[in-house]
Amino acid sequence: MTTESPENVLFVVMDTVRKDRLTPYGYDRPTTPNLAAFAEEATVFEQAVAPAPWTLPVHASLFTGMYPSRHGADQENPYLEGATTLAETLSTAGYDTACYSSNAWITPYTHLTDGFDDQDNFFEVMPGEFLSGPLARAWKTMNDNEALRAVADKLVSLGNTAHEYFAGGGSADSKTPAVIDRTQSFIEDADRSFAFINLMDAHLPYHPPEEFAEEFAPGVDSTEVCQNSKEYNSGARDIDADEWDDIRGLYDAEIAHIDDQLGRLFDWLKAEGRWDDTMVVVCADHGELHGEHDLYGHEFCLYEPLVNVPLLVKHPALDADRREDQVELLDLYHTVLDTLDVEGGTPADPDDEVVALDRTRSLVSDSYRTFNGLADAARDPGQRGDGEYAFVEYSRPVVELNQLEEKAAAAGITLPSDSRYYSRMRAARRTDAKYVRIDRIDDEAYRLDEDPGETENVAAGDDPAIEEADATLAAFESAVGGAWTDALDDDVSDDAVDEMDDEAQERLRDLGYLE
């Protein structure tokens, strides 16, 4: 931390936003003029890497400073437990904390909002008050029992189907203006503050406000294009070049709406005299695929459009410049602690695991990424490879898998069990090379400097950079409990309902999930 460090932090996650669709990263369409202006006084990171390719584990990492395999919040276990969060630490240190989003994963239901003094989830199907009640208790009961995990998987599938029905008809209003309004009210009333917001517009389905649709997707009917990635990925639906253009246009329009609302928030902070005393972080939790590698969405892979994410940070200790060195989103946990001069490390609950401030992971520290080998690696499995590597983890995608199987079955398609759809993956990445370990299909590796589109898998070759990435990944895997080489059972069944106790069954019956 520097002596001129800000007293407040505004942390913005643009959910599902690709780096290459933003003006500061060279996109040729004017999707983000406000971010372009922001970039003139911020550091723009070219090589920021997410710890996973989807929302829940990434946010859990942002809030705990832990890799997904350590905090355990993923699709196989979809809630955060036994870890003290950044919000809990900052609230204890006297900061006002708030979390506002319209993402169904960032709720009391998953415990990601634990520790925030104020939180609101603008998700239109299941509000936070409901998700912290009977469904959350039923979910936990089932996930604590291995035999009932299949039922929990089915519940998630049903919940996503409900969201798809209500949000996919073209009438879903953006919650972003309400999130911005609520954020302004919180900051106005706060003393020293940490405000975290997640903006969901660029997540499927894409139904942008009319003024942005007219500019970036003129004449496109958002209800007529494919808005369900599982239909395409399962093989039940094809998308031609013209339809992909329409989808990308709608996506651009959603990003433009986010940018417009961020501009409104930034202008307000400046008008209120709060801009100079606020560190502002803007990033994406992951990106999106629009047909690359024959995939749609952000599942079943660790390709660059998903994990190499945008990151812009305004802080007086950072130059208004571009940086080409690799950083990890996980480092932002330490950056926030460092900025607000909070050491952390004290568990909110005696049984909690907690990560204390490590300035070798703080972007605003002079000692950033000066890892000292095995001494640091013993407590932080990512501190390997002389600070050159980032690590990404993806557990079995049970939510997407259930929905994928349903779409495939409806089309008479059988998905091969030995495929990427059923696979868990881990990657070690540096700026020139990436190695991906996959538990059901052949590993993948790419020379990112020579093949940024990841078109040629060179895992079986003898490239020294690839071999080093493979070895570094193996060291990381060893530190987190071993490689994922034992493919999980792919059977998903509802037969376990009969094994549930009467109370759990009654809860599900009340919610309409059982007859």
Protein backbone atom coordinates (compact mmCIF):
# COMPACT_ATOMS: atom_id res chain seq x y z
CA MET A 1 0.00 0.00 0.00
CA THR A 2 1.10 3.59 -0.64
CA THR A 3 0.60 6.59 1.63
CA GLU A 4 -1.81 8.03 -0.94
CA SER A 5 -3.93 4.91 -1.04
CA PRO A 6 -7.69 5.51 -1.43
CA GLU A 7 -10.10 4.96 1.44
CA ASN A 8 -12.83 3.44 -0.72
CA VAL A 9 -13.11 0.66 -3.28
CA LEU A 10 -15.61 0.25 -6.10
CA PHE A 11 -15.33 -3.25 -7.58
CA VAL A 12 -17.26 -3.85 -10.81
CA VAL A 13 -17.67 -7.26 -12.46
CA MET A 14 -19.09 -7.20 -15.98
CA ASP A 15 -20.46 -10.70 -16.10
CA THR A 16 -19.63 -12.74 -19.21
CA VAL A 17 -17.87 -9.90 -21.07
CA ARG A 18 -15.15 -10.79 -23.55
CA LYS A 19 -12.01 -8.70 -23.61
CA ASP A 20 -11.95 -8.38 -27.40
CA ARG A 21 -15.39 -6.71 -27.49
CA LEU A 22 -14.26 -3.65 -25.53
CA THR A 23 -12.95 -0.42 -27.03
CA PRO A 24 -9.88 -0.22 -24.72
CA TYR A 25 -8.81 -3.62 -26.08
CA GLY A 26 -9.00 -2.59 -29.72
CA TYR A 27 -12.55 -3.53 -30.72
CA ASP A 28 -13.55 -1.66 -33.87
CA ARG A 29 -17.16 -1.08 -32.79
CA PRO A 30 -17.77 1.72 -30.25
CA THR A 31 -19.26 -0.52 -27.57
CA THR A 32 -17.52 1.07 -24.59
CA PRO A 33 -16.67 4.78 -24.92
CA ASN A 34 -16.91 5.28 -21.16
CA LEU A 35 -14.49 2.46 -20.47
CA ALA A 36 -12.20 3.94 -23.11
CA ALA A 37 -12.22 7.22 -21.18
CA PHE A 38 -11.69 5.33 -17.92
CA ALA A 39 -8.71 3.52 -19.48
CA GLU A 40 -6.96 6.86 -19.94
CA GLU A 41 -6.55 7.15 -16.17
CA ALA A 42 -6.34 3.45 -15.28
CA THR A 43 -3.97 0.54 -15.81
CA VAL A 44 -5.22 -1.75 -18.57
CA PHE A 45 -4.10 -5.33 -18.07
CA GLU A 46 -3.71 -7.37 -21.25
CA GLN A 47 -3.01 -10.70 -19.55
CA ALA A 48 -5.49 -11.09 -16.70
CA VAL A 49 -6.60 -14.66 -16.05
CA ALA A 50 -9.73 -15.89 -14.27
CA PRO A 51 -9.43 -18.89 -11.89
CA ALA A 52 -12.41 -20.62 -13.55
CA PRO A 53 -14.63 -20.10 -16.60
CA TRP A 54 -17.89 -19.36 -14.77
CA THR A 55 -19.42 -17.16 -12.09
CA LEU A 56 -19.63 -19.09 -8.82
CA PRO A 57 -16.03 -20.28 -8.40
CA VAL A 58 -14.60 -17.01 -9.75
CA HIS A 59 -16.52 -14.88 -7.28
CA ALA A 60 -15.71 -17.27 -4.45
CA SER A 61 -12.02 -16.81 -5.35
CA LEU A 62 -12.41 -13.03 -5.46
CA PHE A 63 -14.03 -13.13 -2.02
CA THR A 64 -11.61 -15.58 -0.35
CA GLY A 65 -8.24 -15.32 -2.14
CA MET A 66 -8.38 -19.09 -2.73
CA TYR A 67 -8.34 -21.21 -5.86
CA PRO A 68 -11.57 -23.14 -6.56
CA SER A 69 -10.19 -26.48 -5.36
CA ARG A 70 -9.48 -24.87 -1.98
CA HIS A 71 -12.68 -22.89 -1.39
CA GLY A 72 -14.78 -25.73 -2.85
CA ALA A 73 -17.61 -23.65 -4.36
CA ASP A 74 -18.37 -25.15 -7.75
CA GLN A 75 -21.08 -27.11 -9.53
CA GLU A 76 -20.32 -30.25 -7.58
CA ASN A 77 -20.77 -28.32 -4.33
CA PRO A 78 -22.51 -25.05 -5.19
CA TYR A 79 -22.12 -22.97 -2.06
CA LEU A 80 -19.25 -21.37 -0.16
CA GLU A 81 -18.72 -22.68 3.35
CA GLY A 82 -15.97 -22.73 5.95
CA ALA A 83 -14.16 -19.68 4.57
CA THR A 84 -14.02 -16.11 5.85
CA THR A 85 -14.89 -13.71 3.07
CA LEU A 86 -13.34 -10.40 2.08
CA ALA A 87 -16.56 -8.66 3.11
CA GLU A 88 -16.46 -10.23 6.57
CA THR A 89 -12.86 -9.09 7.04
CA LEU A 90 -13.53 -5.55 5.82
CA SER A 91 -16.73 -5.19 7.83
CA THR A 92 -14.85 -6.23 10.97
CA ALA A 93 -12.19 -3.62 10.14
CA GLY A 94 -14.83 -0.87 10.13
CA TYR A 95 -15.61 -0.54 6.42
CA ASP A 96 -19.15 -0.22 5.11
CA THR A 97 -19.67 -3.07 2.64
CA ALA A 98 -22.34 -3.76 0.05
CA CYS A 99 -22.97 -6.21 -2.80
CA TYR A 100 -25.53 -5.59 -5.53
CA SER A 101 -26.07 -7.86 -8.51
CA SER A 102 -28.65 -9.55 -10.67
CA ASN A 103 -26.79 -12.85 -10.78
CA ALA A 104 -28.59 -15.84 -9.28
CA TRP A 105 -25.33 -17.30 -7.98
CA ILE A 106 -24.41 -14.24 -5.89
CA THR A 107 -26.99 -14.57 -3.14
CA PRO A 108 -27.35 -15.70 0.50
CA TYR A 109 -28.31 -19.05 -1.09
CA THR A 110 -24.69 -19.72 -2.07
CA HIS A 111 -23.22 -17.79 0.91
CA LEU A 112 -21.23 -15.55 -1.45
CA THR A 113 -22.86 -12.51 0.13
CA ASP A 114 -21.82 -13.48 3.67
CA GLY A 115 -20.30 -10.51 5.47
CA PHE A 116 -21.77 -7.72 3.35
CA ASP A 117 -23.53 -5.14 5.50
CA ASP A 118 -26.03 -4.58 2.72
CA GLN A 119 -26.83 -6.78 -0.24
CA ASP A 120 -29.55 -7.09 -2.83
CA ASN A 121 -30.02 -9.52 -5.65
CA PHE A 122 -32.19 -8.25 -8.48
CA PHE A 123 -32.64 -11.72 -10.01
CA GLU A 124 -36.23 -11.74 -11.20
CA VAL A 125 -37.20 -15.39 -10.61
CA MET A 126 -35.85 -16.19 -7.15
CA PRO A 127 -35.12 -13.18 -4.91
CA GLY A 128 -32.42 -13.35 -2.27
CA GLU A 129 -34.93 -13.53 0.58
CA PHE A 130 -36.33 -16.75 -0.89
CA LEU A 131 -32.98 -18.25 -1.73
CA SER A 132 -31.81 -17.81 1.85
CA GLY A 133 -34.85 -19.74 3.07
CA PRO A 134 -36.42 -23.14 2.32
CA LEU A 135 -34.75 -23.87 -1.01
CA ALA A 136 -31.32 -23.08 0.42
CA ARG A 137 -31.95 -25.44 3.36
CA ALA A 138 -33.21 -28.20 1.07
CA TRP A 139 -30.20 -27.70 -1.20
CA LYS A 140 -27.76 -27.99 1.68
CA THR A 141 -29.51 -31.09 3.03
CA MET A 142 -29.15 -32.81 -0.31
CA ASN A 143 -25.59 -31.78 -1.02
CA ASP A 144 -24.46 -32.98 2.39
CA ASN A 145 -25.65 -36.46 1.37
CA GLU A 146 -23.76 -37.97 -1.57
CA ALA A 147 -26.72 -40.18 -2.47
CA LEU A 148 -28.93 -37.13 -2.89
CA ARG A 149 -26.58 -35.04 -4.98
CA ALA A 150 -28.38 -36.11 -8.18
CA VAL A 151 -31.56 -34.58 -6.84
CA ALA A 152 -29.75 -31.31 -6.17
CA ASP A 153 -28.45 -31.39 -9.73
CA LYS A 154 -32.02 -31.78 -10.99
CA LEU A 155 -33.19 -28.85 -8.88
CA VAL A 156 -30.57 -26.63 -10.42
CA SER A 157 -31.66 -27.72 -13.87
CA LEU A 158 -35.29 -26.94 -13.04
CA GLY A 159 -34.32 -23.58 -11.60
CA ASN A 160 -32.36 -22.68 -14.72
CA THR A 161 -35.27 -23.80 -16.88
CA ALA A 162 -37.52 -21.44 -14.92
CA HIS A 163 -35.06 -18.59 -15.43
CA GLU A 164 -34.84 -19.43 -19.12
CA TYR A 165 -38.63 -19.28 -19.40
CA PHE A 166 -39.07 -15.98 -17.59
CA ALA A 167 -35.96 -14.19 -18.87
CA GLY A 168 -35.89 -15.55 -22.40
CA GLY A 169 -39.03 -14.10 -23.85
CA GLY A 170 -37.67 -10.75 -24.83
CA SER A 171 -39.46 -8.88 -22.04
CA ALA A 172 -36.80 -9.12 -19.33
CA ASP A 173 -35.79 -5.66 -18.17
CA SER A 174 -32.17 -4.95 -17.34
CA LYS A 175 -31.52 -4.72 -13.62
CA THR A 176 -28.34 -2.71 -14.15
CA PRO A 177 -29.90 0.77 -13.72
CA ALA A 178 -31.34 -0.35 -10.37
CA VAL A 179 -27.97 -1.78 -9.33
CA ILE A 180 -26.28 1.54 -10.18
CA ASP A 181 -28.95 3.52 -8.29
CA ARG A 182 -28.57 1.32 -5.24
CA THR A 183 -24.79 1.62 -5.38
CA GLN A 184 -24.99 5.40 -5.46
CA SER A 185 -27.28 5.43 -2.43
CA PHE A 186 -24.94 3.15 -0.50
CA ILE A 187 -21.82 5.18 -1.30
CA GLU A 188 -23.59 8.42 -0.47
CA ASP A 189 -24.41 7.17 3.04
CA ALA A 190 -21.12 5.34 3.67
CA ASP A 191 -18.01 6.55 5.43
CA ARG A 192 -15.22 4.24 4.25
CA SER A 193 -16.69 1.79 1.76
CA PHE A 194 -16.26 -1.38 -0.27
CA ALA A 195 -18.96 -1.61 -2.94
CA PHE A 196 -19.10 -4.74 -5.11
CA ILE A 197 -21.44 -4.95 -8.10
CA ASN A 198 -22.07 -7.56 -10.76
CA LEU A 199 -23.73 -6.46 -14.00
CA MET A 200 -25.45 -9.28 -15.88
CA ASP A 201 -26.57 -7.74 -19.19
CA ALA A 202 -24.02 -9.58 -21.35
CA HIS A 203 -25.05 -13.00 -20.01
CA LEU A 204 -27.47 -15.06 -22.09
CA PRO A 205 -30.22 -14.40 -23.00
CA TYR A 206 -29.47 -11.18 -24.89
CA HIS A 207 -32.40 -8.75 -24.92
CA PRO A 208 -30.75 -5.32 -24.98
CA PRO A 209 -32.60 -2.03 -24.51
CA GLU A 210 -34.00 -0.74 -27.78
CA GLU A 211 -31.66 2.22 -28.20
CA PHE A 212 -28.59 -0.04 -28.04
CA ALA A 213 -30.17 -2.79 -30.14
CA GLU A 214 -30.87 -0.25 -32.87
CA GLU A 215 -27.22 0.78 -32.98
CA PHE A 216 -25.51 -2.59 -32.71
CA ALA A 217 -28.12 -5.11 -33.93
CA PRO A 218 -30.50 -3.18 -36.21
CA GLY A 219 -33.42 -5.25 -37.42
CA VAL A 220 -32.57 -8.26 -35.24
CA ASP A 221 -35.44 -9.88 -33.33
CA SER A 222 -33.87 -11.20 -30.14
CA THR A 223 -36.66 -13.75 -29.73
CA GLU A 224 -35.85 -15.34 -33.09
CA VAL A 225 -32.13 -16.10 -32.65
CA CYS A 226 -30.75 -19.02 -30.63
CA GLN A 227 -30.55 -17.87 -27.01
CA ASN A 228 -29.96 -21.30 -25.49
CA SER A 229 -26.34 -22.44 -25.67
CA LYS A 230 -27.24 -26.01 -24.69
CA GLU A 231 -29.36 -26.45 -27.80
CA TYR A 232 -26.34 -25.66 -29.95
CA ASN A 233 -23.72 -27.50 -27.88
CA SER A 234 -25.83 -30.66 -27.73
CA GLY A 235 -26.20 -30.73 -31.51
CA ALA A 236 -29.96 -30.14 -31.32
CA ARG A 237 -29.74 -26.75 -33.04
CA ASP A 238 -27.49 -25.35 -35.77
CA ILE A 239 -26.47 -21.70 -36.13
CA ASP A 240 -25.39 -20.30 -39.49
CA ALA A 241 -23.04 -17.37 -40.11
CA ASP A 242 -25.81 -14.79 -40.39
CA GLU A 243 -27.36 -15.86 -37.10
CA TRP A 244 -23.98 -15.72 -35.37
CA ASP A 245 -23.65 -12.15 -36.62
CA ASP A 246 -27.04 -11.33 -35.14
CA ILE A 247 -26.12 -12.96 -31.81
CA ARG A 248 -22.86 -11.04 -31.64
CA GLY A 249 -24.68 -7.81 -32.44
CA LEU A 250 -27.09 -8.34 -29.55
CA TYR A 251 -24.15 -9.16 -27.29
CA ASP A 252 -22.40 -5.94 -28.31
CA ALA A 253 -25.58 -4.00 -27.56
CA GLU A 254 -25.74 -5.48 -24.06
CA ILE A 255 -22.12 -4.48 -23.43
CA ALA A 256 -22.86 -0.97 -24.68
CA HIS A 257 -25.68 -0.72 -22.15
CA ILE A 258 -23.32 -1.77 -19.34
CA ASP A 259 -20.85 0.88 -20.48
CA ASP A 260 -23.55 3.54 -20.53
CA GLN A 261 -24.53 2.75 -16.94
CA LEU A 262 -20.92 2.64 -15.76
CA GLY A 263 -20.43 6.07 -17.30
CA ARG A 264 -23.39 7.29 -15.26
CA LEU A 265 -21.87 5.89 -12.06
CA PHE A 266 -18.40 7.27 -12.79
CA ASP A 267 -19.77 10.73 -13.61
CA TRP A 268 -21.73 10.72 -10.34
CA LEU A 269 -18.63 9.80 -8.32
CA LYS A 270 -16.75 12.67 -9.89
CA ALA A 271 -19.58 15.13 -9.31
CA GLU A 272 -19.78 14.04 -5.66
CA GLY A 273 -16.04 14.52 -5.17
CA ARG A 274 -15.50 10.82 -4.44
CA TRP A 275 -13.60 9.79 -7.56
CA ASP A 276 -10.06 10.60 -6.45
CA ASP A 277 -10.45 8.79 -3.13
CA THR A 278 -11.83 5.60 -4.67
CA MET A 279 -9.92 2.71 -6.18
CA VAL A 280 -11.99 1.46 -9.10
CA VAL A 281 -11.64 -2.09 -10.40
CA VAL A 282 -13.46 -3.14 -13.58
CA CYS A 283 -13.15 -6.70 -14.82
CA ALA A 284 -15.10 -9.64 -16.19
CA ASP A 285 -15.47 -12.88 -14.26
CA HIS A 286 -15.22 -14.84 -17.53
CA GLY A 287 -15.89 -14.40 -21.21
CA GLU A 288 -18.12 -16.12 -23.76
CA LEU A 289 -17.78 -18.26 -26.88
CA HIS A 290 -19.83 -17.53 -29.99
CA GLY A 291 -19.06 -20.53 -32.15
CA GLU A 292 -15.30 -20.70 -31.62
CA HIS A 293 -14.21 -24.34 -31.21
CA ASP A 294 -17.83 -25.23 -32.10
CA LEU A 295 -19.02 -24.08 -28.67
CA TYR A 296 -21.53 -21.50 -27.45
CA GLY A 297 -21.49 -20.01 -23.96
CA HIS A 298 -18.89 -20.56 -21.26
CA GLU A 299 -18.92 -24.27 -20.53
CA PHE A 300 -16.89 -27.38 -21.27
CA CYS A 301 -13.51 -25.76 -21.98
CA LEU A 302 -10.78 -23.37 -20.84
CA TYR A 303 -10.16 -21.51 -24.09
CA GLU A 304 -8.78 -17.97 -24.09
CA PRO A 305 -12.02 -16.06 -24.79
CA LEU A 306 -13.28 -17.43 -21.47
CA VAL A 307 -10.29 -17.14 -19.17
CA ASN A 308 -8.18 -14.23 -20.52
CA VAL A 309 -10.47 -11.50 -19.23
CA PRO A 310 -10.53 -7.69 -19.24
CA LEU A 311 -9.14 -5.94 -16.16
CA LEU A 312 -8.76 -2.19 -15.62
CA VAL A 313 -7.70 -0.70 -12.28
CA LYS A 314 -7.54 2.96 -11.21
CA HIS A 315 -5.23 3.49 -8.23
CA PRO A 316 -2.66 6.23 -7.55
CA ALA A 317 0.08 3.61 -7.17
CA LEU A 318 -0.57 2.34 -10.70
CA ASP A 319 0.38 4.17 -13.88
CA ALA A 320 -2.23 5.07 -16.46
CA ASP A 321 -0.73 2.61 -18.92
CA ARG A 322 -1.03 -0.86 -20.40
CA ARG A 323 0.61 -3.89 -18.84
CA GLU A 324 1.61 -7.08 -20.63
CA ASP A 325 2.68 -9.11 -17.58
CA GLN A 326 0.32 -11.85 -16.47
CA VAL A 327 -1.89 -11.30 -13.44
CA GLU A 328 -4.66 -13.34 -11.83
CA LEU A 329 -8.11 -12.19 -10.75
CA LEU A 330 -7.35 -13.96 -7.47
CA ASP A 331 -4.76 -11.22 -6.85
CA LEU A 332 -7.56 -8.68 -6.51
CA TYR A 333 -8.46 -10.06 -3.08
CA HIS A 334 -5.05 -9.02 -1.81
CA THR A 335 -5.11 -5.77 -3.78
CA VAL A 336 -8.28 -4.67 -1.99
CA LEU A 337 -6.88 -5.57 1.45
CA ASP A 338 -3.63 -3.76 0.65
CA THR A 339 -5.41 -0.67 -0.63
CA LEU A 340 -7.56 -0.40 2.49
CA ASP A 341 -4.65 -1.25 4.82
CA VAL A 342 -6.29 -4.35 6.28
CA GLU A 343 -4.07 -7.33 7.10
CA GLY A 344 -6.91 -9.84 7.49
CA GLY A 345 -6.16 -13.41 8.47
CA THR A 346 -8.60 -13.56 11.39
CA PRO A 347 -11.41 -16.08 10.86
CA ALA A 348 -14.97 -14.83 11.25
CA ASP A 349 -15.80 -18.22 12.74
CA PRO A 350 -13.24 -20.29 14.68
CA ASP A 351 -13.58 -23.15 12.19
CA ASP A 352 -13.19 -20.96 9.11
CA GLU A 353 -10.22 -20.97 6.79
CA VAL A 354 -9.01 -17.47 6.00
CA VAL A 355 -6.33 -15.94 3.78
CA ALA A 356 -4.31 -13.04 5.17
CA LEU A 357 -2.93 -10.21 3.06
CA ASP A 358 0.04 -11.29 0.95
CA ARG A 359 1.64 -8.28 -0.71
CA THR A 360 3.37 -10.48 -3.26
CA ARG A 361 -0.15 -10.87 -4.67
CA SER A 362 -1.18 -7.21 -4.43
CA LEU A 363 -1.16 -5.28 -7.70
CA VAL A 364 -0.33 -2.05 -5.85
CA SER A 365 2.67 -3.48 -3.98
CA ASP A 366 6.32 -3.08 -4.96
CA SER A 367 6.80 -6.77 -4.14
CA TYR A 368 4.05 -7.99 -6.49
CA ARG A 369 4.76 -11.48 -7.83
CA THR A 370 8.13 -11.78 -6.10
CA PHE A 371 7.30 -15.31 -5.07
CA ASN A 372 10.03 -17.14 -3.18
CA GLY A 373 9.54 -20.64 -4.41
CA LEU A 374 8.65 -23.53 -2.13
CA ALA A 375 8.33 -21.41 1.02
CA ASP A 376 5.42 -19.48 -0.49
CA ALA A 377 4.06 -22.43 -2.45
CA ALA A 378 3.50 -24.36 0.77
CA ARG A 379 0.71 -21.96 1.74
CA ASP A 380 -0.32 -20.80 -1.73
CA PRO A 381 -0.31 -23.50 -4.43
CA GLY A 382 -0.33 -20.84 -7.15
CA GLN A 383 3.05 -19.41 -6.15
CA ARG A 384 4.97 -21.59 -8.54
CA GLY A 385 6.84 -20.84 -11.72
CA ASP A 386 8.51 -17.62 -10.54
CA GLY A 387 5.24 -15.71 -10.75
CA GLU A 388 4.86 -16.32 -14.47
CA TYR A 389 1.90 -18.72 -14.26
CA ALA A 390 -1.82 -18.47 -13.69
CA PHE A 391 -3.95 -21.48 -12.83
CA VAL A 392 -7.50 -22.28 -13.87
CA GLU A 393 -9.81 -25.00 -12.53
CA TYR A 394 -13.10 -26.36 -13.82
CA SER A 395 -14.93 -29.11 -11.96
CA ARG A 396 -17.54 -31.37 -13.54
CA PRO A 397 -20.20 -29.04 -15.01
CA VAL A 398 -23.25 -30.76 -13.54
CA VAL A 399 -25.66 -27.85 -14.09
CA GLU A 400 -24.85 -27.46 -17.77
CA LEU A 401 -24.55 -31.22 -18.16
CA ASN A 402 -28.10 -31.87 -16.97
CA GLN A 403 -29.50 -29.22 -19.29
CA LEU A 404 -27.31 -30.44 -22.16
CA GLU A 405 -28.54 -34.00 -21.72
CA GLU A 406 -32.16 -32.81 -21.71
CA LYS A 407 -31.71 -30.89 -24.97
CA ALA A 408 -29.85 -33.80 -26.57
CA ALA A 409 -32.45 -36.37 -25.50
CA ALA A 410 -35.29 -34.24 -26.86
CA ALA A 411 -33.50 -34.25 -30.23
CA GLY A 412 -32.77 -37.99 -30.12
CA ILE A 413 -29.05 -37.44 -29.57
CA THR A 414 -26.86 -39.46 -27.21
CA LEU A 415 -23.85 -37.61 -25.83
CA PRO A 416 -20.63 -39.65 -25.56
CA SER A 417 -19.58 -40.02 -21.92
CA ASP A 418 -15.91 -39.75 -22.90
CA SER A 419 -16.17 -36.17 -24.09
CA ARG A 420 -15.42 -32.66 -22.89
CA TYR A 421 -19.01 -32.34 -21.67
CA TYR A 422 -18.36 -34.69 -18.74
CA SER A 423 -14.79 -33.59 -18.08
CA ARG A 424 -13.02 -31.77 -15.30
CA MET A 425 -10.12 -29.56 -16.37
CA ARG A 426 -7.15 -27.67 -14.99
CA ALA A 427 -4.77 -25.35 -16.78
CA ALA A 428 -1.42 -23.68 -16.19
CA ARG A 429 -1.04 -20.58 -18.32
CA ARG A 430 1.72 -18.10 -19.00
CA THR A 431 1.71 -15.43 -21.66
CA ASP A 432 3.26 -17.63 -24.34
CA ALA A 433 1.97 -21.10 -23.52
CA LYS A 434 -0.90 -22.97 -21.87
CA TYR A 435 -1.34 -26.60 -20.84
CA VAL A 436 -4.80 -28.04 -20.04
CA ARG A 437 -5.22 -31.35 -18.21
CA ILE A 438 -8.56 -33.03 -18.98
CA ASP A 439 -9.80 -36.16 -17.25
CA ARG A 440 -11.84 -37.85 -20.02
CA ILE A 441 -10.26 -36.76 -23.29
CA ASP A 442 -6.78 -35.94 -24.52
CA ASP A 443 -5.00 -33.01 -22.88
CA GLU A 444 -4.74 -29.75 -24.79
CA ALA A 445 -1.81 -27.34 -25.08
CA TYR A 446 -1.27 -24.21 -27.14
CA ARG A 447 1.54 -21.80 -27.98
CA LEU A 448 -0.41 -18.64 -27.32
CA ASP A 449 2.29 -16.41 -28.75
CA GLU A 450 2.24 -18.23 -32.10
CA ASP A 451 -1.35 -19.49 -32.11
CA PRO A 452 -3.58 -17.08 -30.14
CA GLY A 453 -6.70 -18.69 -31.60
CA GLU A 454 -5.71 -22.08 -30.10
CA THR A 455 -6.18 -23.91 -33.37
CA GLU A 456 -3.32 -26.44 -33.04
CA ASN A 457 -3.14 -28.72 -30.03
CA VAL A 458 0.57 -29.33 -29.36
CA ALA A 459 0.22 -31.30 -26.12
CA ALA A 460 1.86 -34.34 -27.67
CA GLY A 461 4.86 -32.44 -29.02
CA ASP A 462 8.24 -31.60 -27.52
CA ASP A 463 7.98 -27.81 -27.25
CA PRO A 464 10.01 -26.67 -24.19
CA ALA A 465 7.48 -23.99 -23.22
CA ILE A 466 4.66 -26.54 -23.28
CA GLU A 467 6.70 -29.03 -21.29
CA GLU A 468 7.41 -26.39 -18.66
CA ALA A 469 3.73 -25.49 -18.43
CA ASP A 470 2.85 -29.19 -18.07
CA ALA A 471 5.40 -29.62 -15.28
CA THR A 472 4.23 -26.49 -13.48
CA LEU A 473 0.63 -27.65 -13.71
CA ALA A 474 1.65 -31.02 -12.22
CA ALA A 475 3.28 -29.20 -9.29
CA PHE A 476 0.13 -27.16 -8.75
CA GLU A 477 -2.03 -30.29 -8.91
CA SER A 478 0.16 -32.03 -6.38
CA ALA A 479 -0.25 -29.09 -3.99
CA VAL A 480 -4.04 -29.09 -4.24
CA GLY A 481 -4.52 -32.83 -3.76
CA GLY A 482 -3.55 -34.49 -7.02
CA ALA A 483 -4.55 -34.45 -10.65
CA TRP A 484 -8.12 -35.07 -11.72
CA THR A 485 -7.46 -38.36 -13.45
CA ASP A 486 -10.33 -40.41 -11.97
CA ALA A 487 -13.32 -39.59 -14.14
CA LEU A 488 -16.47 -39.18 -12.07
CA ASP A 489 -19.58 -41.31 -12.49
CA ASP A 490 -21.68 -39.72 -15.21
CA ASP A 491 -24.97 -41.29 -14.14
CA VAL A 492 -27.60 -38.72 -13.15
CA SER A 493 -30.80 -40.10 -11.67
CA ASP A 494 -33.84 -39.02 -9.66
CA ASP A 495 -34.08 -42.41 -7.90
CA ALA A 496 -32.49 -40.94 -4.78
CA VAL A 497 -35.68 -39.00 -3.99
CA ASP A 498 -36.99 -41.97 -2.04
CA GLU A 499 -33.94 -41.78 0.23
CA MET A 500 -34.71 -38.23 1.35
CA ASP A 501 -36.16 -37.69 4.80
CA ASP A 502 -39.79 -36.58 5.11
CA GLU A 503 -38.90 -32.98 5.95
CA ALA A 504 -36.70 -32.54 2.88
CA GLN A 505 -39.35 -34.12 0.64
CA GLU A 506 -42.01 -31.83 2.08
CA ARG A 507 -39.89 -28.75 1.40
CA LEU A 508 -39.48 -29.79 -2.24
CA ARG A 509 -43.19 -30.58 -2.51
CA ASP A 510 -44.05 -27.10 -1.21
CA LEU A 511 -41.77 -25.63 -3.87
CA GLY A 512 -43.41 -27.64 -6.64
CA TYR A 513 -40.47 -29.93 -7.39
CA LEU A 514 -42.23 -33.10 -6.22
CA GLU A 515 -45.79 -34.35 -6.78
